[in-house]
Amino acid sequence: MSRYPPGGRPDKVRDAFAGLQATLDDACVPGNCAYVLGRLDDELHRMDRAMKADPKGPGHFPEPIALIAKLDGELGGNRGTMNLEKHKALLIETRDRINTWMQGHPDDYR
């Protein structure tokens, strides 16, 4: 499923990164965990699309793209709530590692 913003184009990296950072304070608590993990998965893939469409090219973002590819391999195409909960630690780790990588590349989000 394509989740491009209006106009059919991927977000800019800075906008996608802002969305990913907005998940940093989200907590997976009973009654809210499915939403939080689904949102995190969506934001990671929004980031992936933005990096791949960036004028600098996907080669400029090798580590974040590889981290998302690893996550996708573990999820096996199943984005159902139970599978996201099973891979909760990997979702959070992927987000945190991409956040750290991006903090070292401020030109990409300012």
PDB file of N, CA and C in Angstrom:
ATOM      1  N   MET A   1       0.839  -1.170   0.000  1.00  0.00           N
ATOM      2  CA  MET A   1       0.000   0.000   0.000  1.00  0.00           C
ATOM      3  C   MET A   1       0.889   1.240   0.000  1.00  0.00           C
ATOM      4  N   SER A   2       0.623   2.148  -0.910  1.00  0.00           N
ATOM      5  CA  SER A   2       1.374   3.386  -0.993  1.00  0.00           C
ATOM      6  C   SER A   2       0.757   4.421  -0.066  1.00  0.00           C
ATOM      7  N   ARG A   3       1.587   5.031   0.736  1.00  0.00           N
ATOM      8  CA  ARG A   3       1.097   6.052   1.665  1.00  0.00           C
ATOM      9  C   ARG A   3       1.836   7.358   1.414  1.00  0.00           C
ATOM     10  N   TYR A   4       1.813   7.783   0.171  1.00  0.00           N
ATOM     11  CA  TYR A   4       2.425   9.058  -0.157  1.00  0.00           C
ATOM     12  C   TYR A   4       1.504  10.179   0.287  1.00  0.00           C
ATOM     13  N   PRO A   5       2.073  11.338   0.582  1.00  0.00           N
ATOM     14  CA  PRO A   5       1.241  12.489   0.906  1.00  0.00           C
ATOM     15  C   PRO A   5       0.488  12.957  -0.334  1.00  0.00           C
ATOM     16  N   PRO A   6      -0.434  13.896  -0.178  1.00  0.00           N
ATOM     17  CA  PRO A   6      -1.148  14.414  -1.345  1.00  0.00           C
ATOM     18  C   PRO A   6      -0.168  14.833  -2.436  1.00  0.00           C
ATOM     19  N   GLY A   7      -0.500  14.549  -3.670  1.00  0.00           N
ATOM     20  CA  GLY A   7       0.399  14.846  -4.781  1.00  0.00           C
ATOM     21  C   GLY A   7       1.144  13.604  -5.237  1.00  0.00           C
ATOM     22  N   GLY A   8       1.099  12.515  -4.447  1.00  0.00           N
ATOM     23  CA  GLY A   8       1.691  11.253  -4.851  1.00  0.00           C
ATOM     24  C   GLY A   8       3.195  11.156  -4.764  1.00  0.00           C
ATOM     25  N   ARG A   9       3.842  12.054  -4.068  1.00  0.00           N
ATOM     26  CA  ARG A   9       5.299  12.021  -3.964  1.00  0.00           C
ATOM     27  C   ARG A   9       5.716  11.725  -2.525  1.00  0.00           C
ATOM     28  N   PRO A  10       6.834  11.032  -2.364  1.00  0.00           N
ATOM     29  CA  PRO A  10       7.324  10.782  -1.001  1.00  0.00           C
ATOM     30  C   PRO A  10       7.676  12.096  -0.300  1.00  0.00           C
ATOM     31  N   ASP A  11       7.617  12.060   1.008  1.00  0.00           N
ATOM     32  CA  ASP A  11       8.011  13.218   1.803  1.00  0.00           C
ATOM     33  C   ASP A  11       9.492  13.509   1.642  1.00  0.00           C
ATOM     34  N   LYS A  12       9.887  14.703   2.008  1.00  0.00           N
ATOM     35  CA  LYS A  12      11.309  15.015   2.114  1.00  0.00           C
ATOM     36  C   LYS A  12      11.838  14.296   3.347  1.00  0.00           C
ATOM     37  N   VAL A  13      13.129  14.014   3.336  1.00  0.00           N
ATOM     38  CA  VAL A  13      13.736  13.286   4.451  1.00  0.00           C
ATOM     39  C   VAL A  13      13.490  14.021   5.760  1.00  0.00           C
ATOM     40  N   ARG A  14      13.629  15.333   5.760  1.00  0.00           N
ATOM     41  CA  ARG A  14      13.466  16.078   7.027  1.00  0.00           C
ATOM     42  C   ARG A  14      12.055  15.912   7.579  1.00  0.00           C
ATOM     43  N   ASP A  15      11.045  15.892   6.688  1.00  0.00           N
ATOM     44  CA  ASP A  15       9.667  15.732   7.139  1.00  0.00           C
ATOM     45  C   ASP A  15       9.410  14.316   7.654  1.00  0.00           C
ATOM     46  N   ALA A  16       9.938  13.340   6.952  1.00  0.00           N
ATOM     47  CA  ALA A  16       9.787  11.947   7.393  1.00  0.00           C
ATOM     48  C   ALA A  16      10.524  11.727   8.714  1.00  0.00           C
ATOM     49  N   PHE A  17      11.685  12.349   8.867  1.00  0.00           N
ATOM     50  CA  PHE A  17      12.446  12.203  10.101  1.00  0.00           C
ATOM     51  C   PHE A  17      11.691  12.843  11.272  1.00  0.00           C
ATOM     52  N   ALA A  18      11.046  13.958  11.020  1.00  0.00           N
ATOM     53  CA  ALA A  18      10.245  14.594  12.076  1.00  0.00           C
ATOM     54  C   ALA A  18       9.126  13.649  12.526  1.00  0.00           C
ATOM     55  N   GLY A  19       8.495  12.971  11.566  1.00  0.00           N
ATOM     56  CA  GLY A  19       7.460  12.003  11.921  1.00  0.00           C
ATOM     57  C   GLY A  19       8.010  10.845  12.727  1.00  0.00           C
ATOM     58  N   LEU A  20       9.206  10.381  12.361  1.00  0.00           N
ATOM     59  CA  LEU A  20       9.834   9.286  13.100  1.00  0.00           C
ATOM     60  C   LEU A  20      10.192   9.732  14.512  1.00  0.00           C
ATOM     61  N   GLN A  21      10.736  10.932  14.639  1.00  0.00           N
ATOM     62  CA  GLN A  21      11.088  11.442  15.964  1.00  0.00           C
ATOM     63  C   GLN A  21       9.853  11.625  16.848  1.00  0.00           C
ATOM     64  N   ALA A  22       8.719  11.902  16.226  1.00  0.00           N
ATOM     65  CA  ALA A  22       7.488  12.084  17.000  1.00  0.00           C
ATOM     66  C   ALA A  22       7.068  10.797  17.698  1.00  0.00           C
ATOM     67  N   THR A  23       7.644   9.673  17.307  1.00  0.00           N
ATOM     68  CA  THR A  23       7.311   8.396  17.956  1.00  0.00           C
ATOM     69  C   THR A  23       8.194   8.122  19.173  1.00  0.00           C
ATOM     70  N   LEU A  24       9.199   8.944  19.411  1.00  0.00           N
ATOM     71  CA  LEU A  24      10.153   8.668  20.485  1.00  0.00           C
ATOM     72  C   LEU A  24       9.500   8.598  21.866  1.00  0.00           C
ATOM     73  N   ASP A  25       8.462   9.382  22.090  1.00  0.00           N
ATOM     74  CA  ASP A  25       7.816   9.390  23.404  1.00  0.00           C
ATOM     75  C   ASP A  25       6.586   8.494  23.482  1.00  0.00           C
ATOM     76  N   ASP A  26       6.271   7.815  22.377  1.00  0.00           N
ATOM     77  CA  ASP A  26       5.123   6.914  22.390  1.00  0.00           C
ATOM     78  C   ASP A  26       5.428   5.687  23.245  1.00  0.00           C
ATOM     79  N   ALA A  27       4.465   5.274  24.030  1.00  0.00           N
ATOM     80  CA  ALA A  27       4.643   4.103  24.887  1.00  0.00           C
ATOM     81  C   ALA A  27       3.649   3.020  24.475  1.00  0.00           C
ATOM     82  N   CYS A  28       4.156   1.819  24.432  1.00  0.00           N
ATOM     83  CA  CYS A  28       3.330   0.666  24.086  1.00  0.00           C
ATOM     84  C   CYS A  28       2.682   0.160  25.374  1.00  0.00           C
ATOM     85  N   VAL A  29       1.494   0.692  25.656  1.00  0.00           N
ATOM     86  CA  VAL A  29       0.769   0.315  26.866  1.00  0.00           C
ATOM     87  C   VAL A  29      -0.506  -0.408  26.456  1.00  0.00           C
ATOM     88  N   PRO A  30      -1.077  -1.211  27.350  1.00  0.00           N
ATOM     89  CA  PRO A  30      -2.307  -1.925  27.006  1.00  0.00           C
ATOM     90  C   PRO A  30      -3.371  -0.967  26.460  1.00  0.00           C
ATOM     91  N   GLY A  31      -3.983  -1.390  25.382  1.00  0.00           N
ATOM     92  CA  GLY A  31      -5.002  -0.585  24.746  1.00  0.00           C
ATOM     93  C   GLY A  31      -4.464   0.396  23.723  1.00  0.00           C
ATOM     94  N   ASN A  32      -3.155   0.566  23.684  1.00  0.00           N
ATOM     95  CA  ASN A  32      -2.543   1.541  22.791  1.00  0.00           C
ATOM     96  C   ASN A  32      -1.400   0.932  21.984  1.00  0.00           C
ATOM     97  N   CYS A  33      -0.990  -0.262  22.325  1.00  0.00           N
ATOM     98  CA  CYS A  33       0.205  -0.861  21.730  1.00  0.00           C
ATOM     99  C   CYS A  33       0.044  -1.094  20.224  1.00  0.00           C
ATOM    100  N   ALA A  34      -1.084  -1.572  19.793  1.00  0.00           N
ATOM    101  CA  ALA A  34      -1.283  -1.827  18.362  1.00  0.00           C
ATOM    102  C   ALA A  34      -1.131  -0.532  17.571  1.00  0.00           C
ATOM    103  N   TYR A  35      -1.710   0.555  18.082  1.00  0.00           N
ATOM    104  CA  TYR A  35      -1.593   1.847  17.407  1.00  0.00           C
ATOM    105  C   TYR A  35      -0.144   2.307  17.357  1.00  0.00           C
ATOM    106  N   VAL A  36       0.552   2.236  18.482  1.00  0.00           N
ATOM    107  CA  VAL A  36       1.934   2.720  18.573  1.00  0.00           C
ATOM    108  C   VAL A  36       2.845   1.944  17.626  1.00  0.00           C
ATOM    109  N   LEU A  37       2.744   0.629  17.642  1.00  0.00           N
ATOM    110  CA  LEU A  37       3.617  -0.177  16.788  1.00  0.00           C
ATOM    111  C   LEU A  37       3.262  -0.004  15.313  1.00  0.00           C
ATOM    112  N   GLY A  38       1.990   0.107  15.000  1.00  0.00           N
ATOM    113  CA  GLY A  38       1.578   0.368  13.621  1.00  0.00           C
ATOM    114  C   GLY A  38       2.087   1.716  13.140  1.00  0.00           C
ATOM    115  N   ARG A  39       1.987   2.715  13.989  1.00  0.00           N
ATOM    116  CA  ARG A  39       2.489   4.055  13.642  1.00  0.00           C
ATOM    117  C   ARG A  39       3.997   4.017  13.447  1.00  0.00           C
ATOM    118  N   LEU A  40       4.699   3.339  14.327  1.00  0.00           N
ATOM    119  CA  LEU A  40       6.152   3.249  14.209  1.00  0.00           C
ATOM    120  C   LEU A  40       6.539   2.575  12.896  1.00  0.00           C
ATOM    121  N   ASP A  41       5.866   1.487  12.564  1.00  0.00           N
ATOM    122  CA  ASP A  41       6.132   0.808  11.299  1.00  0.00           C
ATOM    123  C   ASP A  41       5.854   1.745  10.121  1.00  0.00           C
ATOM    124  N   ASP A  42       4.744   2.462  10.172  1.00  0.00           N
ATOM    125  CA  ASP A  42       4.413   3.417   9.101  1.00  0.00           C
ATOM    126  C   ASP A  42       5.482   4.499   8.970  1.00  0.00           C
ATOM    127  N   GLU A  43       5.918   5.045  10.096  1.00  0.00           N
ATOM    128  CA  GLU A  43       6.917   6.125  10.054  1.00  0.00           C
ATOM    129  C   GLU A  43       8.269   5.620   9.545  1.00  0.00           C
ATOM    130  N   LEU A  44       8.638   4.409   9.903  1.00  0.00           N
ATOM    131  CA  LEU A  44       9.888   3.847   9.385  1.00  0.00           C
ATOM    132  C   LEU A  44       9.819   3.696   7.867  1.00  0.00           C
ATOM    133  N   HIS A  45       8.687   3.262   7.365  1.00  0.00           N
ATOM    134  CA  HIS A  45       8.559   3.083   5.915  1.00  0.00           C
ATOM    135  C   HIS A  45       8.392   4.415   5.186  1.00  0.00           C
ATOM    136  N   ARG A  46       7.822   5.385   5.838  1.00  0.00           N
ATOM    137  CA  ARG A  46       7.784   6.748   5.289  1.00  0.00           C
ATOM    138  C   ARG A  46       9.216   7.266   5.142  1.00  0.00           C
ATOM    139  N   MET A  47      10.030   7.005   6.154  1.00  0.00           N
ATOM    140  CA  MET A  47      11.438   7.410   6.130  1.00  0.00           C
ATOM    141  C   MET A  47      12.174   6.687   5.002  1.00  0.00           C
ATOM    142  N   ASP A  48      11.930   5.405   4.852  1.00  0.00           N
ATOM    143  CA  ASP A  48      12.559   4.608   3.805  1.00  0.00           C
ATOM    144  C   ASP A  48      12.241   5.179   2.421  1.00  0.00           C
ATOM    145  N   ARG A  49      10.960   5.462   2.181  1.00  0.00           N
ATOM    146  CA  ARG A  49      10.555   6.032   0.884  1.00  0.00           C
ATOM    147  C   ARG A  49      11.225   7.381   0.650  1.00  0.00           C
ATOM    148  N   ALA A  50      11.284   8.208   1.682  1.00  0.00           N
ATOM    149  CA  ALA A  50      11.881   9.541   1.541  1.00  0.00           C
ATOM    150  C   ALA A  50      13.371   9.445   1.227  1.00  0.00           C
ATOM    151  N   MET A  51      14.081   8.549   1.899  1.00  0.00           N
ATOM    152  CA  MET A  51      15.523   8.410   1.653  1.00  0.00           C
ATOM    153  C   MET A  51      15.785   7.894   0.241  1.00  0.00           C
ATOM    154  N   LYS A  52      14.983   6.949  -0.198  1.00  0.00           N
ATOM    155  CA  LYS A  52      15.164   6.382  -1.534  1.00  0.00           C
ATOM    156  C   LYS A  52      14.822   7.375  -2.636  1.00  0.00           C
ATOM    157  N   ALA A  53      13.944   8.329  -2.352  1.00  0.00           N
ATOM    158  CA  ALA A  53      13.546   9.327  -3.343  1.00  0.00           C
ATOM    159  C   ALA A  53      14.360  10.615  -3.248  1.00  0.00           C
ATOM    160  N   ASP A  54      15.199  10.733  -2.239  1.00  0.00           N
ATOM    161  CA  ASP A  54      15.978  11.955  -2.029  1.00  0.00           C
ATOM    162  C   ASP A  54      16.920  12.212  -3.202  1.00  0.00           C
ATOM    163  N   PRO A  55      17.102  13.473  -3.585  1.00  0.00           N
ATOM    164  CA  PRO A  55      18.025  13.797  -4.687  1.00  0.00           C
ATOM    165  C   PRO A  55      19.458  13.301  -4.463  1.00  0.00           C
ATOM    166  N   LYS A  56      19.869  13.124  -3.207  1.00  0.00           N
ATOM    167  CA  LYS A  56      21.217  12.611  -2.924  1.00  0.00           C
ATOM    168  C   LYS A  56      21.329  11.134  -3.272  1.00  0.00           C
ATOM    169  N   GLY A  57      20.199  10.491  -3.415  1.00  0.00           N
ATOM    170  CA  GLY A  57      20.176   9.078  -3.776  1.00  0.00           C
ATOM    171  C   GLY A  57      20.207   8.175  -2.563  1.00  0.00           C
ATOM    172  N   PRO A  58      19.711   6.954  -2.726  1.00  0.00           N
ATOM    173  CA  PRO A  58      19.666   6.022  -1.607  1.00  0.00           C
ATOM    174  C   PRO A  58      21.057   5.655  -1.086  1.00  0.00           C
ATOM    175  N   GLY A  59      22.080   5.803  -1.916  1.00  0.00           N
ATOM    176  CA  GLY A  59      23.441   5.505  -1.472  1.00  0.00           C
ATOM    177  C   GLY A  59      23.932   6.455  -0.393  1.00  0.00           C
ATOM    178  N   HIS A  60      23.248   7.572  -0.233  1.00  0.00           N
ATOM    179  CA  HIS A  60      23.605   8.525   0.816  1.00  0.00           C
ATOM    180  C   HIS A  60      23.108   8.062   2.191  1.00  0.00           C
ATOM    181  N   PHE A  61      22.180   7.114   2.199  1.00  0.00           N
ATOM    182  CA  PHE A  61      21.549   6.646   3.434  1.00  0.00           C
ATOM    183  C   PHE A  61      21.701   5.126   3.595  1.00  0.00           C
ATOM    184  N   PRO A  62      22.905   4.587   3.442  1.00  0.00           N
ATOM    185  CA  PRO A  62      23.034   3.123   3.416  1.00  0.00           C
ATOM    186  C   PRO A  62      22.618   2.435   4.713  1.00  0.00           C
ATOM    187  N   GLU A  63      23.022   2.969   5.847  1.00  0.00           N
ATOM    188  CA  GLU A  63      22.715   2.282   7.103  1.00  0.00           C
ATOM    189  C   GLU A  63      21.221   2.304   7.428  1.00  0.00           C
ATOM    190  N   PRO A  64      20.548   3.469   7.366  1.00  0.00           N
ATOM    191  CA  PRO A  64      19.111   3.437   7.664  1.00  0.00           C
ATOM    192  C   PRO A  64      18.318   2.545   6.711  1.00  0.00           C
ATOM    193  N   ILE A  65      18.645   2.586   5.436  1.00  0.00           N
ATOM    194  CA  ILE A  65      17.922   1.752   4.466  1.00  0.00           C
ATOM    195  C   ILE A  65      18.171   0.271   4.761  1.00  0.00           C
ATOM    196  N   ALA A  66      19.397  -0.073   5.125  1.00  0.00           N
ATOM    197  CA  ALA A  66      19.709  -1.468   5.461  1.00  0.00           C
ATOM    198  C   ALA A  66      18.980  -1.905   6.732  1.00  0.00           C
ATOM    199  N   LEU A  67      18.868  -1.004   7.707  1.00  0.00           N
ATOM    200  CA  LEU A  67      18.153  -1.350   8.942  1.00  0.00           C
ATOM    201  C   LEU A  67      16.677  -1.633   8.672  1.00  0.00           C
ATOM    202  N   ILE A  68      16.076  -0.839   7.802  1.00  0.00           N
ATOM    203  CA  ILE A  68      14.663  -1.050   7.468  1.00  0.00           C
ATOM    204  C   ILE A  68      14.501  -2.331   6.649  1.00  0.00           C
ATOM    205  N   ALA A  69      15.450  -2.613   5.766  1.00  0.00           N
ATOM    206  CA  ALA A  69      15.402  -3.860   4.993  1.00  0.00           C
ATOM    207  C   ALA A  69      15.505  -5.067   5.931  1.00  0.00           C
ATOM    208  N   LYS A  70      16.358  -4.973   6.939  1.00  0.00           N
ATOM    209  CA  LYS A  70      16.485  -6.061   7.919  1.00  0.00           C
ATOM    210  C   LYS A  70      15.164  -6.245   8.672  1.00  0.00           C
ATOM    211  N   LEU A  71      14.566  -5.138   9.091  1.00  0.00           N
ATOM    212  CA  LEU A  71      13.274  -5.199   9.770  1.00  0.00           C
ATOM    213  C   LEU A  71      12.229  -5.860   8.877  1.00  0.00           C
ATOM    214  N   ASP A  72      12.185  -5.437   7.616  1.00  0.00           N
ATOM    215  CA  ASP A  72      11.217  -6.020   6.682  1.00  0.00           C
ATOM    216  C   ASP A  72      11.428  -7.525   6.522  1.00  0.00           C
ATOM    217  N   GLY A  73      12.690  -7.943   6.500  1.00  0.00           N
ATOM    218  CA  GLY A  73      12.983  -9.371   6.408  1.00  0.00           C
ATOM    219  C   GLY A  73      12.454 -10.133   7.612  1.00  0.00           C
ATOM    220  N   GLU A  74      12.598  -9.545   8.783  1.00  0.00           N
ATOM    221  CA  GLU A  74      12.104 -10.188  10.006  1.00  0.00           C
ATOM    222  C   GLU A  74      10.582 -10.207  10.055  1.00  0.00           C
ATOM    223  N   LEU A  75       9.956  -9.132   9.575  1.00  0.00           N
ATOM    224  CA  LEU A  75       8.492  -9.076   9.576  1.00  0.00           C
ATOM    225  C   LEU A  75       7.891 -10.000   8.528  1.00  0.00           C
ATOM    226  N   GLY A  76       8.658 -10.312   7.500  1.00  0.00           N
ATOM    227  CA  GLY A  76       8.197 -11.241   6.472  1.00  0.00           C
ATOM    228  C   GLY A  76       6.933 -10.786   5.755  1.00  0.00           C
ATOM    229  N   GLY A  77       6.740  -9.482   5.634  1.00  0.00           N
ATOM    230  CA  GLY A  77       5.571  -8.962   4.947  1.00  0.00           C
ATOM    231  C   GLY A  77       4.310  -8.926   5.797  1.00  0.00           C
ATOM    232  N   ASN A  78       4.397  -9.409   7.021  1.00  0.00           N
ATOM    233  CA  ASN A  78       3.245  -9.454   7.911  1.00  0.00           C
ATOM    234  C   ASN A  78       3.268  -8.250   8.845  1.00  0.00           C
ATOM    235  N   ARG A  79       2.370  -7.298   8.589  1.00  0.00           N
ATOM    236  CA  ARG A  79       2.295  -6.098   9.414  1.00  0.00           C
ATOM    237  C   ARG A  79       1.088  -6.135  10.349  1.00  0.00           C
ATOM    238  N   GLY A  80       0.638  -7.337  10.635  1.00  0.00           N
ATOM    239  CA  GLY A  80      -0.463  -7.510  11.578  1.00  0.00           C
ATOM    240  C   GLY A  80      -0.012  -7.196  12.994  1.00  0.00           C
ATOM    241  N   THR A  81      -0.964  -6.864  13.834  1.00  0.00           N
ATOM    242  CA  THR A  81      -0.662  -6.461  15.204  1.00  0.00           C
ATOM    243  C   THR A  81       0.154  -7.510  15.954  1.00  0.00           C
ATOM    244  N   MET A  82      -0.227  -8.765  15.851  1.00  0.00           N
ATOM    245  CA  MET A  82       0.500  -9.813  16.585  1.00  0.00           C
ATOM    246  C   MET A  82       1.953  -9.894  16.141  1.00  0.00           C
ATOM    247  N   ASN A  83       2.210  -9.774  14.832  1.00  0.00           N
ATOM    248  CA  ASN A  83       3.587  -9.849  14.345  1.00  0.00           C
ATOM    249  C   ASN A  83       4.382  -8.608  14.745  1.00  0.00           C
ATOM    250  N   LEU A  84       3.737  -7.450  14.707  1.00  0.00           N
ATOM    251  CA  LEU A  84       4.434  -6.235  15.145  1.00  0.00           C
ATOM    252  C   LEU A  84       4.771  -6.329  16.632  1.00  0.00           C
ATOM    253  N   GLU A  85       3.853  -6.865  17.423  1.00  0.00           N
ATOM    254  CA  GLU A  85       4.133  -7.037  18.852  1.00  0.00           C
ATOM    255  C   GLU A  85       5.271  -8.022  19.070  1.00  0.00           C
ATOM    256  N   LYS A  86       5.309  -9.086  18.275  1.00  0.00           N
ATOM    257  CA  LYS A  86       6.388 -10.074  18.359  1.00  0.00           C
ATOM    258  C   LYS A  86       7.741  -9.429  18.068  1.00  0.00           C
ATOM    259  N   HIS A  87       7.751  -8.440  17.177  1.00  0.00           N
ATOM    260  CA  HIS A  87       8.991  -7.781  16.769  1.00  0.00           C
ATOM    261  C   HIS A  87       9.124  -6.372  17.348  1.00  0.00           C
ATOM    262  N   LYS A  88       8.437  -6.132  18.439  1.00  0.00           N
ATOM    263  CA  LYS A  88       8.443  -4.815  19.082  1.00  0.00           C
ATOM    264  C   LYS A  88       9.865  -4.319  19.350  1.00  0.00           C
ATOM    265  N   ALA A  89      10.699  -5.150  19.925  1.00  0.00           N
ATOM    266  CA  ALA A  89      12.059  -4.733  20.261  1.00  0.00           C
ATOM    267  C   ALA A  89      12.839  -4.322  19.000  1.00  0.00           C
ATOM    268  N   LEU A  90      12.658  -5.067  17.908  1.00  0.00           N
ATOM    269  CA  LEU A  90      13.358  -4.736  16.669  1.00  0.00           C
ATOM    270  C   LEU A  90      12.820  -3.442  16.059  1.00  0.00           C
ATOM    271  N   LEU A  91      11.522  -3.205  16.132  1.00  0.00           N
ATOM    272  CA  LEU A  91      10.946  -1.953  15.650  1.00  0.00           C
ATOM    273  C   LEU A  91      11.556  -0.765  16.392  1.00  0.00           C
ATOM    274  N   ILE A  92      11.606  -0.866  17.704  1.00  0.00           N
ATOM    275  CA  ILE A  92      12.146   0.222  18.524  1.00  0.00           C
ATOM    276  C   ILE A  92      13.640   0.390  18.285  1.00  0.00           C
ATOM    277  N   GLU A  93      14.359  -0.717  18.219  1.00  0.00           N
ATOM    278  CA  GLU A  93      15.799  -0.651  17.958  1.00  0.00           C
ATOM    279  C   GLU A  93      16.078  -0.013  16.602  1.00  0.00           C
ATOM    280  N   THR A  94      15.302  -0.367  15.593  1.00  0.00           N
ATOM    281  CA  THR A  94      15.484   0.200  14.251  1.00  0.00           C
ATOM    282  C   THR A  94      15.254   1.703  14.290  1.00  0.00           C
ATOM    283  N   ARG A  95      14.170   2.122  14.924  1.00  0.00           N
ATOM    284  CA  ARG A  95      13.904   3.558  15.058  1.00  0.00           C
ATOM    285  C   ARG A  95      15.044   4.271  15.771  1.00  0.00           C
ATOM    286  N   ASP A  96      15.493   3.710  16.884  1.00  0.00           N
ATOM    287  CA  ASP A  96      16.531   4.358  17.675  1.00  0.00           C
ATOM    288  C   ASP A  96      17.860   4.437  16.929  1.00  0.00           C
ATOM    289  N   ARG A  97      18.196   3.384  16.193  1.00  0.00           N
ATOM    290  CA  ARG A  97      19.448   3.392  15.437  1.00  0.00           C
ATOM    291  C   ARG A  97      19.384   4.386  14.276  1.00  0.00           C
ATOM    292  N   ILE A  98      18.222   4.495  13.626  1.00  0.00           N
ATOM    293  CA  ILE A  98      18.075   5.474  12.553  1.00  0.00           C
ATOM    294  C   ILE A  98      18.116   6.884  13.135  1.00  0.00           C
ATOM    295  N   ASN A  99      17.488   7.086  14.272  1.00  0.00           N
ATOM    296  CA  ASN A  99      17.538   8.387  14.932  1.00  0.00           C
ATOM    297  C   ASN A  99      18.981   8.779  15.233  1.00  0.00           C
ATOM    298  N   THR A 100      19.753   7.860  15.773  1.00  0.00           N
ATOM    299  CA  THR A 100      21.165   8.131  16.072  1.00  0.00           C
ATOM    300  C   THR A 100      21.933   8.445  14.803  1.00  0.00           C
ATOM    301  N   TRP A 101      21.718   7.666  13.745  1.00  0.00           N
ATOM    302  CA  TRP A 101      22.411   7.898  12.478  1.00  0.00           C
ATOM    303  C   TRP A 101      22.075   9.286  11.942  1.00  0.00           C
ATOM    304  N   MET A 102      20.800   9.629  11.960  1.00  0.00           N
ATOM    305  CA  MET A 102      20.367  10.924  11.433  1.00  0.00           C
ATOM    306  C   MET A 102      20.930  12.074  12.264  1.00  0.00           C
ATOM    307  N   GLN A 103      21.050  11.902  13.554  1.00  0.00           N
ATOM    308  CA  GLN A 103      21.624  12.964  14.399  1.00  0.00           C
ATOM    309  C   GLN A 103      23.054  13.274  13.975  1.00  0.00           C
ATOM    310  N   GLY A 104      23.734  12.284  13.413  1.00  0.00           N
ATOM    311  CA  GLY A 104      25.091  12.490  12.904  1.00  0.00           C
ATOM    312  C   GLY A 104      25.126  13.079  11.502  1.00  0.00           C
ATOM    313  N   HIS A 105      23.965  13.296  10.907  1.00  0.00           N
ATOM    314  CA  HIS A 105      23.861  13.843   9.546  1.00  0.00           C
ATOM    315  C   HIS A 105      22.850  14.993   9.521  1.00  0.00           C
ATOM    316  N   PRO A 106      23.114  16.058  10.272  1.00  0.00           N
ATOM    317  CA  PRO A 106      22.116  17.139  10.412  1.00  0.00           C
ATOM    318  C   PRO A 106      21.771  17.828   9.099  1.00  0.00           C
ATOM    319  N   ASP A 107      22.642  17.798   8.105  1.00  0.00           N
ATOM    320  CA  ASP A 107      22.326  18.422   6.823  1.00  0.00           C
ATOM    321  C   ASP A 107      21.132  17.751   6.154  1.00  0.00           C
ATOM    322  N   ASP A 108      20.827  16.536   6.541  1.00  0.00           N
ATOM    323  CA  ASP A 108      19.738  15.791   5.915  1.00  0.00           C
ATOM    324  C   ASP A 108      18.377  16.090   6.529  1.00  0.00           C
ATOM    325  N   TYR A 109      18.344  16.755   7.668  1.00  0.00           N
ATOM    326  CA  TYR A 109      17.033  17.027   8.260  1.00  0.00           C
ATOM    327  C   TYR A 109      16.828  18.482   8.661  1.00  0.00           C
ATOM    328  N   ARG A 110      17.730  19.346   8.285  1.00  0.00           N
ATOM    329  CA  ARG A 110      17.540  20.769   8.601  1.00  0.00           C
ATOM    330  C   ARG A 110      17.171  21.528   7.382  1.00  0.00           C
TER     331      ARG A 110
END
